[in-house]
Amino acid sequence: MLESKVTRWACLWLLAWWAGPALGYSNGRVQEVCGSMEPLHGHSPSPAPAPYRLTVDGSTVQPGARVTVTLLASDSSSPFKGFLLEARDAAAPNSTVALGSFSLLQPGVSQLLGCGGRQASGVSHTSDSKKHQVQAEWTCPKASPPTVQFFATVVQKKKLYWVQVPGPVVAVTGAASTTAGVLTPPTTAAGLPAPFSSEGCGHNKSCLREPAGCRPENDRDCFFLSFRPDAIGGSALFELSGPAEGYVALGLSLDTWMGNDDVYLCIQDQGRVHIQAAFVSGRTRPEPAPEGTLRDQVGAVTDGVIQCRFRRDVRIPQTDQRFDLDQSYFLFLAHGRYENGSTRRHHTQPLISSVRALVVGPPVDLSGSRSPLIIKLHGVMMLAAWMWVVSTGVLFARHFRHVWPDVLLRGDKVWFQVHRGLMLLAVSLISVAFTLPFLYRGGWSKHAGYHPYMGCAVLGLCIVQPIIALFRPAPLSPRRRLFNLVHRSAGRWLQVQAVVCVYLGFRQQALLLRGPQATGALVGWGLWITLAELGLHFHSISPARANKVVQHMATWFSSAGNTGNTGDNDDLPLVKLEDPSPPPAYVFEKTLMLVHQLGNILFFWVLVNAVAKV
C-alpha cells in the first residue's frame, strides 16, 4: 500500500515537472523565451510551411512613426492558440534583440511583453482560445537599423508550432546607425574610462570580492562589486565584473534566500554588453524591468571578463520591484550563461555577503560566502561522523577485541562498548546532518544529482546496522558466522558508499569545493585508513603474535569449560589463571591507533578548512 502511494506521488511529481513549462504558456507570459522565440513544449517545431503569414500596412517607416502589423491564418481551418510577435534587425539574422515598441489594438486577446528589458517590445496571447487574426501597432525607435523585419512564433497546439515565421522587411528612412539600449564596446575596455580597481575599497567605496581581497585590475578570476553614493546622495554608482560566459548579476535581497529580489544583470551577447534591471519572484528567471531605471551605462568584455558600470537613483517611485537604496540588504553576486536571448540558471551558488549592506552608507569592505552556514554544518558533521567516529569504531571492533582483556566497561568488554557507543554517536550525527539540507531547501532538490539519493541509501543502511546488531545470535550459535559476515560486509559497503557520497557532496552548488585540495584530502584519507587496516591485519596474523593470542585464548576456553560457560572470545568471563608467559602488550595496536587518530585530525582539518573558505 505504501509503495503504491509513493509510486503514485512520484508519477504525479514527474508529470507536473514535465508539463509545467508548457502549461504556463497558456497565459502568454513568455518573456523567458523572447530571445529564441521557441516554446519549451518538449517537442521540435514543425518543418512544414507555416499556414500563417505576417503583413504590414507600409513598406517604409520613419523613426517615431507607426505601422500596423497583422498575423493571420491562411485559411479558416488552421486557427492558432498562441503567438509571439517581435521586430528585429533584418541585417543581423542571428540577433536576439527585440526592437521598437508595440501598442495593442486587440487588448482582449493580446498583451505586451518586455523582451530583453525593453518595455512593450513584444506581443503575445492572453489565453489559449482559438484565433484567426491578431493586430498590433509597432512604433519605430529613434535609433534604429536601416531595415527591420517582423517575426512571429505561432502555436496551433502543444506538439504543432512554428518558430520565427518571417514577415515583411520594412525600410527605416533616416535611421541611426546604432541600436538603442545596446552597448557595443570594442575588443578592449576602451569603452570604460579606466579599468575597474579595488583601490579605495572600504575607504571611499564599498566592495564585495571573491576571492577575498582580489584585485580586478590584474586578476582575471576576480568577481568584483563596488558601489558608492554621489555627493548629494540622490543616486549610487555600481561597478560589476567577473569572468562569465553570459552574464554577471547583482541582487539586492532582504534575506539570504533567492526570491523577491531586486536584480541587475550585465549581459554579453555576441561581444555586446547591455545592462538590464529585473525582478526575481521565487526561483524563476528574472522578469525585465521597464527601461529608464538605469543611466550612465557603460560596459565591455575583455579576455572573457564582463565589466559594466551603471547609476541608479536611490528611490524610484511608483514601483515595488525596485528597492530603495537607503535601506540595508544582503548582496548577491551571481554569474551564468546567456543563450538564445535568455539567461540560464547560474551553475554555482551565488556569492552572498555575510552581513547586510547599506548602499548609501559608510564604505565597507565586505566578505561573503557561496555556501550557507547550514550546508557547511551538514558537511562538517558528515565529515566528523565518517572520518573520526565510524573509522575509529570499526578499528576497535576488528582489531581491538583482545586488547585490555581484564578490563570491563559497564559490564562489557572495552572494545564492544567503544564500538557500540561510537556507532550510535555516528548514527545520531548522520541523522541530524541529513535533515539540514532539507531544512535549507524546504524539500527535495531537483538539481543535486546522485548525492541525495546516495545519502538516503547511506542513512537507511546506517539505521539498519544497529537494528541487525539487536538480533545478534549467541556466541556459539551456528548462525553467528552468518551474522558476522552480514554485519561486517554491510559495514564495509557502507564505508565505501559514504566516501563516494562525500565526494559527490563536494560537487554540489551549495558546497562546491574547487581545486584539487579537497579531493586530494579525501583520497588521502581513504588511503590512510586502508593502510591502517592492512597494518593491523598483517600484524594480527604474524606467527609470534598469533601464537601468544592462541595460547591465551586456549587458557580462557579451558577456564570457560571448567566453569560451565559456553562463550567465545567475544563474551567469555575473564578468569585469570596462572600463565607462565606474559600476556601480549599490544603495543603495535595502541601505537597505530594513536597515529591513525593524528592522521584523521590532519585530513579532517584540511577538509574543514576548505569548507570554511567556500
Foldseek 3Di string as FASTA:
>chain_A
DVVVVVVVVVVVVVVCVLCVQVVVCQQPQPLQQLQQQDGPLVADEDPDDAQKAKDWPDQAEEAQDKIKIKIFGNDPVQWFFKKKKFKDDPVDVNGRDGFFAKDAPCVVFKDAAQHPQAGRRMMMGRGRDTDGMGMIMTHGHQADDQKMWMFMKTHRDSHYIDGGDTHHIHGYPPHHHDGPQWAADPQDQPQDPDDDFCPCFQHQKDKEKPPAPDTVVPDQAMWIKIKEADPVRFKMKIKTKHQAAFWKKKWFAADPADAQIWMKIFTADPFITGIFTFTGHHPDFTGTDYPPQWDPWTWGAYPRMTIIMIMGTQDDPPDPSDDRLQDWTKMWIFHYHAPSRRTDDGPAQTWIWPDTDRRHDRGHYTYTDSADPLLLLLLLLLLCLQLPLLLLLVCLVPQVLPAPVVDDDPRFDPSVVSNVVSLVVSLVSLVVSLCSVCVVVVHDDPPLPCLNVLSVVLNVLSVVLVVLVVPQDAQPDPCNVVSVVVNVVSSVVSSVSSLVSSVSSCCGNNQPQDDCQLVVLSVVSVVLSVVLVVVSVVVCPDVVNVVLVVVVQVVQVVVCVVVVHPHHSRGGDDDDDDDPDDHDNCPVVVVSSVVSVVSSVVSSVSNSVSRVSD
